[in-house]
Amino acid sequence: MNVNVRQRDDVNILDLKGRITIGSGEVALRNAVQEALNSGAQKVLINMKDVSTIDSSGIGELVSAYTTATNRGAKLRLANLPAKVTDILTITQLITVFDVYDSEDAAIQSF
């Protein structure tokens, strides 16, 4: 999985591309979120538009990222979830935990 980090206003945006699966994808996600928070980011948006697959370890990393951000007083949002990811978050009822938005603009405005 590739992670592209960019800034829009005061929001750190992590553009994910590929698979968030055990072995590499979840490590890349963890490192990107940690780097953003360690650099002082208070608003983090995970853009999942180009995520093709997510497994249980990827879901675990999303939960971990949310918990870490919340514990540090930061806010984390998810945007552009593919149908597969939405289905998994709905089945696990985690869709109620995350702040999920259909577009990057809507997510940024929510901060």
PDB file of N, CA and C in Angstrom:
ATOM      1  N   MET A   1       0.831  -1.176   0.000  1.00  0.00           N
ATOM      2  CA  MET A   1       0.000   0.000   0.000  1.00  0.00           C
ATOM      3  C   MET A   1       0.878   1.244   0.000  1.00  0.00           C
ATOM      4  N   ASN A   2       0.438   2.242  -0.713  1.00  0.00           N
ATOM      5  CA  ASN A   2       1.126   3.532  -0.734  1.00  0.00           C
ATOM      6  C   ASN A   2       0.331   4.562   0.047  1.00  0.00           C
ATOM      7  N   VAL A   3       1.052   5.439   0.740  1.00  0.00           N
ATOM      8  CA  VAL A   3       0.420   6.532   1.467  1.00  0.00           C
ATOM      9  C   VAL A   3       1.035   7.837   0.988  1.00  0.00           C
ATOM     10  N   ASN A   4       0.189   8.716   0.496  1.00  0.00           N
ATOM     11  CA  ASN A   4       0.632  10.048   0.102  1.00  0.00           C
ATOM     12  C   ASN A   4       0.094  11.025   1.139  1.00  0.00           C
ATOM     13  N   VAL A   5       0.986  11.805   1.741  1.00  0.00           N
ATOM     14  CA  VAL A   5       0.584  12.756   2.767  1.00  0.00           C
ATOM     15  C   VAL A   5       0.585  14.154   2.171  1.00  0.00           C
ATOM     16  N   ARG A   6      -0.507  14.860   2.397  1.00  0.00           N
ATOM     17  CA  ARG A   6      -0.589  16.242   1.928  1.00  0.00           C
ATOM     18  C   ARG A   6      -1.351  17.082   2.940  1.00  0.00           C
ATOM     19  N   GLN A   7      -1.259  18.371   2.769  1.00  0.00           N
ATOM     20  CA  GLN A   7      -1.873  19.319   3.695  1.00  0.00           C
ATOM     21  C   GLN A   7      -2.912  20.137   2.943  1.00  0.00           C
ATOM     22  N   ARG A   8      -4.064  20.336   3.550  1.00  0.00           N
ATOM     23  CA  ARG A   8      -5.078  21.233   2.996  1.00  0.00           C
ATOM     24  C   ARG A   8      -5.618  22.037   4.159  1.00  0.00           C
ATOM     25  N   ASP A   9      -5.385  23.334   4.114  1.00  0.00           N
ATOM     26  CA  ASP A   9      -5.662  24.208   5.251  1.00  0.00           C
ATOM     27  C   ASP A   9      -4.872  23.662   6.444  1.00  0.00           C
ATOM     28  N   ASP A  10      -5.546  23.380   7.548  1.00  0.00           N
ATOM     29  CA  ASP A  10      -4.837  22.839   8.712  1.00  0.00           C
ATOM     30  C   ASP A  10      -5.118  21.349   8.906  1.00  0.00           C
ATOM     31  N   VAL A  11      -5.498  20.665   7.822  1.00  0.00           N
ATOM     32  CA  VAL A  11      -5.832  19.247   7.879  1.00  0.00           C
ATOM     33  C   VAL A  11      -4.738  18.430   7.193  1.00  0.00           C
ATOM     34  N   ASN A  12      -4.232  17.417   7.890  1.00  0.00           N
ATOM     35  CA  ASN A  12      -3.294  16.467   7.282  1.00  0.00           C
ATOM     36  C   ASN A  12      -4.123  15.387   6.597  1.00  0.00           C
ATOM     37  N   ILE A  13      -3.911  15.215   5.303  1.00  0.00           N
ATOM     38  CA  ILE A  13      -4.668  14.225   4.539  1.00  0.00           C
ATOM     39  C   ILE A  13      -3.739  13.081   4.169  1.00  0.00           C
ATOM     40  N   LEU A  14      -4.177  11.871   4.497  1.00  0.00           N
ATOM     41  CA  LEU A  14      -3.436  10.668   4.145  1.00  0.00           C
ATOM     42  C   LEU A  14      -4.210   9.968   3.029  1.00  0.00           C
ATOM     43  N   ASP A  15      -3.684  10.026   1.815  1.00  0.00           N
ATOM     44  CA  ASP A  15      -4.298   9.352   0.673  1.00  0.00           C
ATOM     45  C   ASP A  15      -3.768   7.927   0.616  1.00  0.00           C
ATOM     46  N   LEU A  16      -4.637   6.958   0.855  1.00  0.00           N
ATOM     47  CA  LEU A  16      -4.239   5.554   0.841  1.00  0.00           C
ATOM     48  C   LEU A  16      -4.527   4.961  -0.525  1.00  0.00           C
ATOM     49  N   LYS A  17      -3.610   4.123  -0.989  1.00  0.00           N
ATOM     50  CA  LYS A  17      -3.809   3.458  -2.277  1.00  0.00           C
ATOM     51  C   LYS A  17      -3.322   2.025  -2.164  1.00  0.00           C
ATOM     52  N   GLY A  18      -4.202   1.077  -2.494  1.00  0.00           N
ATOM     53  CA  GLY A  18      -3.821  -0.327  -2.462  1.00  0.00           C
ATOM     54  C   GLY A  18      -4.576  -1.104  -1.406  1.00  0.00           C
ATOM     55  N   ARG A  19      -3.880  -2.080  -0.841  1.00  0.00           N
ATOM     56  CA  ARG A  19      -4.492  -3.009   0.101  1.00  0.00           C
ATOM     57  C   ARG A  19      -4.036  -2.726   1.529  1.00  0.00           C
ATOM     58  N   ILE A  20      -5.012  -2.635   2.437  1.00  0.00           N
ATOM     59  CA  ILE A  20      -4.679  -2.503   3.857  1.00  0.00           C
ATOM     60  C   ILE A  20      -4.840  -3.897   4.451  1.00  0.00           C
ATOM     61  N   THR A  21      -3.763  -4.668   4.356  1.00  0.00           N
ATOM     62  CA  THR A  21      -3.818  -6.060   4.795  1.00  0.00           C
ATOM     63  C   THR A  21      -2.607  -6.381   5.658  1.00  0.00           C
ATOM     64  N   ILE A  22      -2.684  -7.509   6.332  1.00  0.00           N
ATOM     65  CA  ILE A  22      -1.608  -7.914   7.227  1.00  0.00           C
ATOM     66  C   ILE A  22      -0.303  -8.053   6.439  1.00  0.00           C
ATOM     67  N   GLY A  23       0.764  -7.582   7.041  1.00  0.00           N
ATOM     68  CA  GLY A  23       2.079  -7.750   6.430  1.00  0.00           C
ATOM     69  C   GLY A  23       2.712  -6.479   5.926  1.00  0.00           C
ATOM     70  N   SER A  24       1.929  -5.587   5.367  1.00  0.00           N
ATOM     71  CA  SER A  24       2.545  -4.353   4.878  1.00  0.00           C
ATOM     72  C   SER A  24       1.592  -3.174   4.947  1.00  0.00           C
ATOM     73  N   GLY A  25       0.374  -3.358   4.493  1.00  0.00           N
ATOM     74  CA  GLY A  25      -0.569  -2.249   4.434  1.00  0.00           C
ATOM     75  C   GLY A  25      -0.872  -1.643   5.780  1.00  0.00           C
ATOM     76  N   GLU A  26      -1.056  -2.514   6.774  1.00  0.00           N
ATOM     77  CA  GLU A  26      -1.401  -1.978   8.088  1.00  0.00           C
ATOM     78  C   GLU A  26      -0.211  -1.266   8.724  1.00  0.00           C
ATOM     79  N   VAL A  27       0.998  -1.693   8.421  1.00  0.00           N
ATOM     80  CA  VAL A  27       2.200  -1.032   8.943  1.00  0.00           C
ATOM     81  C   VAL A  27       2.345   0.354   8.321  1.00  0.00           C
ATOM     82  N   ALA A  28       2.102   0.457   7.026  1.00  0.00           N
ATOM     83  CA  ALA A  28       2.184   1.749   6.345  1.00  0.00           C
ATOM     84  C   ALA A  28       1.157   2.721   6.915  1.00  0.00           C
ATOM     85  N   LEU A  29      -0.052   2.234   7.175  1.00  0.00           N
ATOM     86  CA  LEU A  29      -1.098   3.080   7.762  1.00  0.00           C
ATOM     87  C   LEU A  29      -0.689   3.536   9.156  1.00  0.00           C
ATOM     88  N   ARG A  30      -0.228   2.611   9.980  1.00  0.00           N
ATOM     89  CA  ARG A  30       0.190   2.940  11.350  1.00  0.00           C
ATOM     90  C   ARG A  30       1.293   3.996  11.341  1.00  0.00           C
ATOM     91  N   ASN A  31       2.309   3.784  10.499  1.00  0.00           N
ATOM     92  CA  ASN A  31       3.429   4.726  10.443  1.00  0.00           C
ATOM     93  C   ASN A  31       2.981   6.109   9.975  1.00  0.00           C
ATOM     94  N   ALA A  32       2.105   6.161   8.979  1.00  0.00           N
ATOM     95  CA  ALA A  32       1.645   7.452   8.460  1.00  0.00           C
ATOM     96  C   ALA A  32       0.858   8.225   9.510  1.00  0.00           C
ATOM     97  N   VAL A  33      -0.008   7.540  10.231  1.00  0.00           N
ATOM     98  CA  VAL A  33      -0.792   8.203  11.278  1.00  0.00           C
ATOM     99  C   VAL A  33       0.119   8.664  12.404  1.00  0.00           C
ATOM    100  N   GLN A  34       1.054   7.807  12.816  1.00  0.00           N
ATOM    101  CA  GLN A  34       1.994   8.179  13.880  1.00  0.00           C
ATOM    102  C   GLN A  34       2.822   9.409  13.487  1.00  0.00           C
ATOM    103  N   GLU A  35       3.322   9.424  12.254  1.00  0.00           N
ATOM    104  CA  GLU A  35       4.118  10.562  11.797  1.00  0.00           C
ATOM    105  C   GLU A  35       3.302  11.846  11.810  1.00  0.00           C
ATOM    106  N   ALA A  36       2.060  11.762  11.351  1.00  0.00           N
ATOM    107  CA  ALA A  36       1.199  12.944  11.335  1.00  0.00           C
ATOM    108  C   ALA A  36       0.970  13.456  12.755  1.00  0.00           C
ATOM    109  N   LEU A  37       0.644  12.556  13.672  1.00  0.00           N
ATOM    110  CA  LEU A  37       0.386  12.971  15.054  1.00  0.00           C
ATOM    111  C   LEU A  37       1.656  13.460  15.735  1.00  0.00           C
ATOM    112  N   ASN A  38       2.779  12.809  15.474  1.00  0.00           N
ATOM    113  CA  ASN A  38       4.047  13.231  16.078  1.00  0.00           C
ATOM    114  C   ASN A  38       4.499  14.599  15.585  1.00  0.00           C
ATOM    115  N   SER A  39       4.065  14.963  14.373  1.00  0.00           N
ATOM    116  CA  SER A  39       4.427  16.280  13.839  1.00  0.00           C
ATOM    117  C   SER A  39       3.484  17.369  14.340  1.00  0.00           C
ATOM    118  N   GLY A  40       2.529  16.979  15.187  1.00  0.00           N
ATOM    119  CA  GLY A  40       1.644  17.961  15.794  1.00  0.00           C
ATOM    120  C   GLY A  40       0.292  18.120  15.127  1.00  0.00           C
ATOM    121  N   ALA A  41      -0.040  17.257  14.195  1.00  0.00           N
ATOM    122  CA  ALA A  41      -1.335  17.355  13.515  1.00  0.00           C
ATOM    123  C   ALA A  41      -2.474  17.164  14.514  1.00  0.00           C
ATOM    124  N   GLN A  42      -3.476  18.032  14.431  1.00  0.00           N
ATOM    125  CA  GLN A  42      -4.658  17.910  15.271  1.00  0.00           C
ATOM    126  C   GLN A  42      -5.879  17.465  14.473  1.00  0.00           C
ATOM    127  N   LYS A  43      -5.764  17.538  13.142  1.00  0.00           N
ATOM    128  CA  LYS A  43      -6.853  17.136  12.257  1.00  0.00           C
ATOM    129  C   LYS A  43      -6.281  16.215  11.189  1.00  0.00           C
ATOM    130  N   VAL A  44      -6.720  14.957  11.211  1.00  0.00           N
ATOM    131  CA  VAL A  44      -6.201  13.960  10.279  1.00  0.00           C
ATOM    132  C   VAL A  44      -7.378  13.374   9.504  1.00  0.00           C
ATOM    133  N   LEU A  45      -7.247  13.389   8.192  1.00  0.00           N
ATOM    134  CA  LEU A  45      -8.255  12.818   7.308  1.00  0.00           C
ATOM    135  C   LEU A  45      -7.635  11.655   6.546  1.00  0.00           C
ATOM    136  N   ILE A  46      -8.244  10.490   6.656  1.00  0.00           N
ATOM    137  CA  ILE A  46      -7.788   9.329   5.905  1.00  0.00           C
ATOM    138  C   ILE A  46      -8.694   9.181   4.687  1.00  0.00           C
ATOM    139  N   ASN A  47      -8.121   9.433   3.526  1.00  0.00           N
ATOM    140  CA  ASN A  47      -8.842   9.337   2.257  1.00  0.00           C
ATOM    141  C   ASN A  47      -8.654   7.927   1.705  1.00  0.00           C
ATOM    142  N   MET A  48      -9.738   7.169   1.651  1.00  0.00           N
ATOM    143  CA  MET A  48      -9.656   5.754   1.273  1.00  0.00           C
ATOM    144  C   MET A  48     -10.165   5.491  -0.140  1.00  0.00           C
ATOM    145  N   LYS A  49     -10.227   6.519  -0.957  1.00  0.00           N
ATOM    146  CA  LYS A  49     -10.788   6.404  -2.302  1.00  0.00           C
ATOM    147  C   LYS A  49     -10.149   5.280  -3.114  1.00  0.00           C
ATOM    148  N   ASP A  50      -8.844   5.102  -3.002  1.00  0.00           N
ATOM    149  CA  ASP A  50      -8.126   4.118  -3.826  1.00  0.00           C
ATOM    150  C   ASP A  50      -7.750   2.849  -3.069  1.00  0.00           C
ATOM    151  N   VAL A  51      -8.452   2.555  -1.976  1.00  0.00           N
ATOM    152  CA  VAL A  51      -8.213   1.313  -1.235  1.00  0.00           C
ATOM    153  C   VAL A  51      -8.971   0.188  -1.924  1.00  0.00           C
ATOM    154  N   SER A  52      -8.263  -0.867  -2.281  1.00  0.00           N
ATOM    155  CA  SER A  52      -8.904  -1.969  -3.000  1.00  0.00           C
ATOM    156  C   SER A  52      -9.405  -3.063  -2.061  1.00  0.00           C
ATOM    157  N   THR A  53      -8.696  -3.303  -0.962  1.00  0.00           N
ATOM    158  CA  THR A  53      -9.030  -4.387  -0.044  1.00  0.00           C
ATOM    159  C   THR A  53      -8.628  -4.003   1.367  1.00  0.00           C
ATOM    160  N   ILE A  54      -9.410  -4.465   2.330  1.00  0.00           N
ATOM    161  CA  ILE A  54      -9.026  -4.301   3.729  1.00  0.00           C
ATOM    162  C   ILE A  54      -9.362  -5.603   4.445  1.00  0.00           C
ATOM    163  N   ASP A  55      -8.473  -6.024   5.341  1.00  0.00           N
ATOM    164  CA  ASP A  55      -8.749  -7.239   6.111  1.00  0.00           C
ATOM    165  C   ASP A  55      -8.869  -6.882   7.590  1.00  0.00           C
ATOM    166  N   SER A  56      -8.964  -7.880   8.444  1.00  0.00           N
ATOM    167  CA  SER A  56      -9.183  -7.628   9.869  1.00  0.00           C
ATOM    168  C   SER A  56      -8.029  -6.851  10.507  1.00  0.00           C
ATOM    169  N   SER A  57      -6.801  -7.089  10.052  1.00  0.00           N
ATOM    170  CA  SER A  57      -5.685  -6.334  10.623  1.00  0.00           C
ATOM    171  C   SER A  57      -5.752  -4.875  10.178  1.00  0.00           C
ATOM    172  N   GLY A  58      -6.232  -4.628   8.967  1.00  0.00           N
ATOM    173  CA  GLY A  58      -6.420  -3.257   8.497  1.00  0.00           C
ATOM    174  C   GLY A  58      -7.497  -2.545   9.291  1.00  0.00           C
ATOM    175  N   ILE A  59      -8.586  -3.246   9.578  1.00  0.00           N
ATOM    176  CA  ILE A  59      -9.651  -2.681  10.411  1.00  0.00           C
ATOM    177  C   ILE A  59      -9.094  -2.371  11.798  1.00  0.00           C
ATOM    178  N   GLY A  60      -8.293  -3.289  12.321  1.00  0.00           N
ATOM    179  CA  GLY A  60      -7.671  -3.067  13.630  1.00  0.00           C
ATOM    180  C   GLY A  60      -6.789  -1.834  13.639  1.00  0.00           C
ATOM    181  N   GLU A  61      -6.068  -1.604  12.552  1.00  0.00           N
ATOM    182  CA  GLU A  61      -5.220  -0.408  12.466  1.00  0.00           C
ATOM    183  C   GLU A  61      -6.050   0.870  12.393  1.00  0.00           C
ATOM    184  N   LEU A  62      -7.179   0.826  11.708  1.00  0.00           N
ATOM    185  CA  LEU A  62      -8.062   2.001  11.689  1.00  0.00           C
ATOM    186  C   LEU A  62      -8.557   2.325  13.094  1.00  0.00           C
ATOM    187  N   VAL A  63      -8.950   1.292  13.826  1.00  0.00           N
ATOM    188  CA  VAL A  63      -9.415   1.487  15.203  1.00  0.00           C
ATOM    189  C   VAL A  63      -8.282   2.035  16.065  1.00  0.00           C
ATOM    190  N   SER A  64      -7.094   1.469  15.899  1.00  0.00           N
ATOM    191  CA  SER A  64      -5.926   1.926  16.652  1.00  0.00           C
ATOM    192  C   SER A  64      -5.597   3.387  16.330  1.00  0.00           C
ATOM    193  N   ALA A  65      -5.670   3.740  15.049  1.00  0.00           N
ATOM    194  CA  ALA A  65      -5.395   5.125  14.640  1.00  0.00           C
ATOM    195  C   ALA A  65      -6.404   6.075  15.275  1.00  0.00           C
ATOM    196  N   TYR A  66      -7.671   5.670  15.279  1.00  0.00           N
ATOM    197  CA  TYR A  66      -8.724   6.500  15.872  1.00  0.00           C
ATOM    198  C   TYR A  66      -8.481   6.673  17.373  1.00  0.00           C
ATOM    199  N   THR A  67      -8.156   5.577  18.051  1.00  0.00           N
ATOM    200  CA  THR A  67      -7.912   5.625  19.492  1.00  0.00           C
ATOM    201  C   THR A  67      -6.704   6.490  19.820  1.00  0.00           C
ATOM    202  N   THR A  68      -5.623   6.308  19.079  1.00  0.00           N
ATOM    203  CA  THR A  68      -4.407   7.090  19.308  1.00  0.00           C
ATOM    204  C   THR A  68      -4.666   8.577  19.087  1.00  0.00           C
ATOM    205  N   ALA A  69      -5.343   8.908  18.002  1.00  0.00           N
ATOM    206  CA  ALA A  69      -5.647  10.320  17.709  1.00  0.00           C
ATOM    207  C   ALA A  69      -6.516  10.918  18.811  1.00  0.00           C
ATOM    208  N   THR A  70      -7.544  10.200  19.216  1.00  0.00           N
ATOM    209  CA  THR A  70      -8.450  10.696  20.254  1.00  0.00           C
ATOM    210  C   THR A  70      -7.715  10.899  21.573  1.00  0.00           C
ATOM    211  N   ASN A  71      -6.853   9.957  21.932  1.00  0.00           N
ATOM    212  CA  ASN A  71      -6.103  10.067  23.180  1.00  0.00           C
ATOM    213  C   ASN A  71      -5.131  11.243  23.179  1.00  0.00           C
ATOM    214  N   ARG A  72      -4.711  11.670  21.994  1.00  0.00           N
ATOM    215  CA  ARG A  72      -3.804  12.813  21.893  1.00  0.00           C
ATOM    216  C   ARG A  72      -4.550  14.120  21.665  1.00  0.00           C
ATOM    217  N   GLY A  73      -5.862  14.074  21.711  1.00  0.00           N
ATOM    218  CA  GLY A  73      -6.656  15.277  21.528  1.00  0.00           C
ATOM    219  C   GLY A  73      -6.829  15.675  20.074  1.00  0.00           C
ATOM    220  N   ALA A  74      -6.485  14.792  19.151  1.00  0.00           N
ATOM    221  CA  ALA A  74      -6.633  15.079  17.722  1.00  0.00           C
ATOM    222  C   ALA A  74      -7.957  14.493  17.223  1.00  0.00           C
ATOM    223  N   LYS A  75      -8.341  14.924  16.034  1.00  0.00           N
ATOM    224  CA  LYS A  75      -9.569  14.413  15.425  1.00  0.00           C
ATOM    225  C   LYS A  75      -9.207  13.658  14.157  1.00  0.00           C
ATOM    226  N   LEU A  76      -9.855  12.512  13.958  1.00  0.00           N
ATOM    227  CA  LEU A  76      -9.595  11.681  12.795  1.00  0.00           C
ATOM    228  C   LEU A  76     -10.910  11.437  12.061  1.00  0.00           C
ATOM    229  N   ARG A  77     -10.874  11.615  10.753  1.00  0.00           N
ATOM    230  CA  ARG A  77     -12.050  11.397   9.910  1.00  0.00           C
ATOM    231  C   ARG A  77     -11.678  10.439   8.782  1.00  0.00           C
ATOM    232  N   LEU A  78     -12.680   9.730   8.263  1.00  0.00           N
ATOM    233  CA  LEU A  78     -12.512   8.868   7.095  1.00  0.00           C
ATOM    234  C   LEU A  78     -13.349   9.436   5.958  1.00  0.00           C
ATOM    235  N   ALA A  79     -12.808   9.374   4.740  1.00  0.00           N
ATOM    236  CA  ALA A  79     -13.551   9.870   3.579  1.00  0.00           C
ATOM    237  C   ALA A  79     -13.408   8.928   2.401  1.00  0.00           C
ATOM    238  N   ASN A  80     -14.398   8.971   1.528  1.00  0.00           N
ATOM    239  CA  ASN A  80     -14.383   8.239   0.258  1.00  0.00           C
ATOM    240  C   ASN A  80     -14.205   6.735   0.443  1.00  0.00           C
ATOM    241  N   LEU A  81     -14.958   6.141   1.345  1.00  0.00           N
ATOM    242  CA  LEU A  81     -14.839   4.698   1.574  1.00  0.00           C
ATOM    243  C   LEU A  81     -15.401   3.919   0.392  1.00  0.00           C
ATOM    244  N   PRO A  82     -14.622   2.966  -0.123  1.00  0.00           N
ATOM    245  CA  PRO A  82     -15.154   2.072  -1.155  1.00  0.00           C
ATOM    246  C   PRO A  82     -16.283   1.216  -0.560  1.00  0.00           C
ATOM    247  N   ALA A  83     -17.135   0.677  -1.406  1.00  0.00           N
ATOM    248  CA  ALA A  83     -18.282  -0.116  -0.944  1.00  0.00           C
ATOM    249  C   ALA A  83     -17.856  -1.285  -0.053  1.00  0.00           C
ATOM    250  N   LYS A  84     -16.754  -1.961  -0.407  1.00  0.00           N
ATOM    251  CA  LYS A  84     -16.286  -3.100   0.389  1.00  0.00           C
ATOM    252  C   LYS A  84     -15.938  -2.684   1.806  1.00  0.00           C
ATOM    253  N   VAL A  85     -15.269  -1.543   1.935  1.00  0.00           N
ATOM    254  CA  VAL A  85     -14.867  -1.055   3.263  1.00  0.00           C
ATOM    255  C   VAL A  85     -16.101  -0.635   4.054  1.00  0.00           C
ATOM    256  N   THR A  86     -17.022   0.046   3.402  1.00  0.00           N
ATOM    257  CA  THR A  86     -18.266   0.447   4.067  1.00  0.00           C
ATOM    258  C   THR A  86     -19.014  -0.779   4.576  1.00  0.00           C
ATOM    259  N   ASP A  87     -19.090  -1.823   3.754  1.00  0.00           N
ATOM    260  CA  ASP A  87     -19.782  -3.049   4.161  1.00  0.00           C
ATOM    261  C   ASP A  87     -19.147  -3.659   5.404  1.00  0.00           C
ATOM    262  N   ILE A  88     -17.822  -3.739   5.419  1.00  0.00           N
ATOM    263  CA  ILE A  88     -17.132  -4.336   6.570  1.00  0.00           C
ATOM    264  C   ILE A  88     -17.351  -3.498   7.823  1.00  0.00           C
ATOM    265  N   LEU A  89     -17.239  -2.181   7.703  1.00  0.00           N
ATOM    266  CA  LEU A  89     -17.447  -1.319   8.873  1.00  0.00           C
ATOM    267  C   LEU A  89     -18.894  -1.388   9.354  1.00  0.00           C
ATOM    268  N   THR A  90     -19.828  -1.573   8.440  1.00  0.00           N
ATOM    269  CA  THR A  90     -21.233  -1.693   8.817  1.00  0.00           C
ATOM    270  C   THR A  90     -21.489  -3.014   9.536  1.00  0.00           C
ATOM    271  N   ILE A  91     -20.968  -4.097   8.990  1.00  0.00           N
ATOM    272  CA  ILE A  91     -21.161  -5.423   9.598  1.00  0.00           C
ATOM    273  C   ILE A  91     -20.569  -5.457  11.010  1.00  0.00           C
ATOM    274  N   THR A  92     -19.412  -4.854  11.184  1.00  0.00           N
ATOM    275  CA  THR A  92     -18.751  -4.860  12.496  1.00  0.00           C
ATOM    276  C   THR A  92     -19.281  -3.754  13.415  1.00  0.00           C
ATOM    277  N   GLN A  93     -20.193  -2.941  12.910  1.00  0.00           N
ATOM    278  CA  GLN A  93     -20.786  -1.810  13.617  1.00  0.00           C
ATOM    279  C   GLN A  93     -19.772  -0.721  13.960  1.00  0.00           C
ATOM    280  N   LEU A  94     -18.605  -0.772  13.333  1.00  0.00           N
ATOM    281  CA  LEU A  94     -17.600   0.270  13.544  1.00  0.00           C
ATOM    282  C   LEU A  94     -17.948   1.540  12.780  1.00  0.00           C
ATOM    283  N   ILE A  95     -18.888   1.450  11.864  1.00  0.00           N
ATOM    284  CA  ILE A  95     -19.313   2.630  11.109  1.00  0.00           C
ATOM    285  C   ILE A  95     -19.861   3.689  12.072  1.00  0.00           C
ATOM    286  N   THR A  96     -20.348   3.249  13.237  1.00  0.00           N
ATOM    287  CA  THR A  96     -20.879   4.185  14.229  1.00  0.00           C
ATOM    288  C   THR A  96     -19.776   4.825  15.068  1.00  0.00           C
ATOM    289  N   VAL A  97     -18.584   4.243  15.035  1.00  0.00           N
ATOM    290  CA  VAL A  97     -17.458   4.766  15.816  1.00  0.00           C
ATOM    291  C   VAL A  97     -16.751   5.887  15.061  1.00  0.00           C
ATOM    292  N   PHE A  98     -16.534   5.667  13.776  1.00  0.00           N
ATOM    293  CA  PHE A  98     -15.785   6.613  12.949  1.00  0.00           C
ATOM    294  C   PHE A  98     -16.679   7.729  12.431  1.00  0.00           C
ATOM    295  N   ASP A  99     -16.070   8.875  12.192  1.00  0.00           N
ATOM    296  CA  ASP A  99     -16.739   9.958  11.478  1.00  0.00           C
ATOM    297  C   ASP A  99     -16.432   9.735  10.006  1.00  0.00           C
ATOM    298  N   VAL A 100     -17.436   9.316   9.241  1.00  0.00           N
ATOM    299  CA  VAL A 100     -17.259   8.932   7.845  1.00  0.00           C
ATOM    300  C   VAL A 100     -17.977   9.927   6.939  1.00  0.00           C
ATOM    301  N   TYR A 101     -17.280  10.341   5.880  1.00  0.00           N
ATOM    302  CA  TYR A 101     -17.840  11.316   4.938  1.00  0.00           C
ATOM    303  C   TYR A 101     -17.690  10.812   3.508  1.00  0.00           C
ATOM    304  N   ASP A 102     -18.625  11.229   2.656  1.00  0.00           N
ATOM    305  CA  ASP A 102     -18.627  10.789   1.261  1.00  0.00           C
ATOM    306  C   ASP A 102     -17.595  11.509   0.420  1.00  0.00           C
ATOM    307  N   SER A 103     -17.156  12.681   0.870  1.00  0.00           N
ATOM    308  CA  SER A 103     -16.188  13.445   0.071  1.00  0.00           C
ATOM    309  C   SER A 103     -15.134  14.085   0.979  1.00  0.00           C
ATOM    310  N   GLU A 104     -14.008  14.401   0.373  1.00  0.00           N
ATOM    311  CA  GLU A 104     -12.944  15.083   1.091  1.00  0.00           C
ATOM    312  C   GLU A 104     -13.409  16.446   1.579  1.00  0.00           C
ATOM    313  N   ASP A 105     -14.126  17.169   0.733  1.00  0.00           N
ATOM    314  CA  ASP A 105     -14.611  18.508   1.111  1.00  0.00           C
ATOM    315  C   ASP A 105     -15.516  18.454   2.335  1.00  0.00           C
ATOM    316  N   ALA A 106     -16.443  17.506   2.334  1.00  0.00           N
ATOM    317  CA  ALA A 106     -17.364  17.379   3.476  1.00  0.00           C
ATOM    318  C   ALA A 106     -16.609  17.035   4.757  1.00  0.00           C
ATOM    319  N   ALA A 107     -15.614  16.171   4.642  1.00  0.00           N
ATOM    320  CA  ALA A 107     -14.817  15.786   5.808  1.00  0.00           C
ATOM    321  C   ALA A 107     -14.049  16.973   6.358  1.00  0.00           C
ATOM    322  N   ILE A 108     -13.448  17.746   5.474  1.00  0.00           N
ATOM    323  CA  ILE A 108     -12.659  18.906   5.903  1.00  0.00           C
ATOM    324  C   ILE A 108     -13.561  19.949   6.575  1.00  0.00           C
ATOM    325  N   GLN A 109     -14.730  20.169   6.007  1.00  0.00           N
ATOM    326  CA  GLN A 109     -15.667  21.126   6.603  1.00  0.00           C
ATOM    327  C   GLN A 109     -16.139  20.675   7.978  1.00  0.00           C
ATOM    328  N   SER A 110     -16.127  19.368   8.236  1.00  0.00           N
ATOM    329  CA  SER A 110     -16.623  18.835   9.505  1.00  0.00           C
ATOM    330  C   SER A 110     -15.700  19.149  10.686  1.00  0.00           C
ATOM    331  N   PHE A 111     -14.436  19.452  10.387  1.00  0.00           N
ATOM    332  CA  PHE A 111     -13.503  19.748  11.467  1.00  0.00           C
ATOM    333  C   PHE A 111     -13.871  21.083  12.074  1.00  0.00           C
TER     334      PHE A 111
END
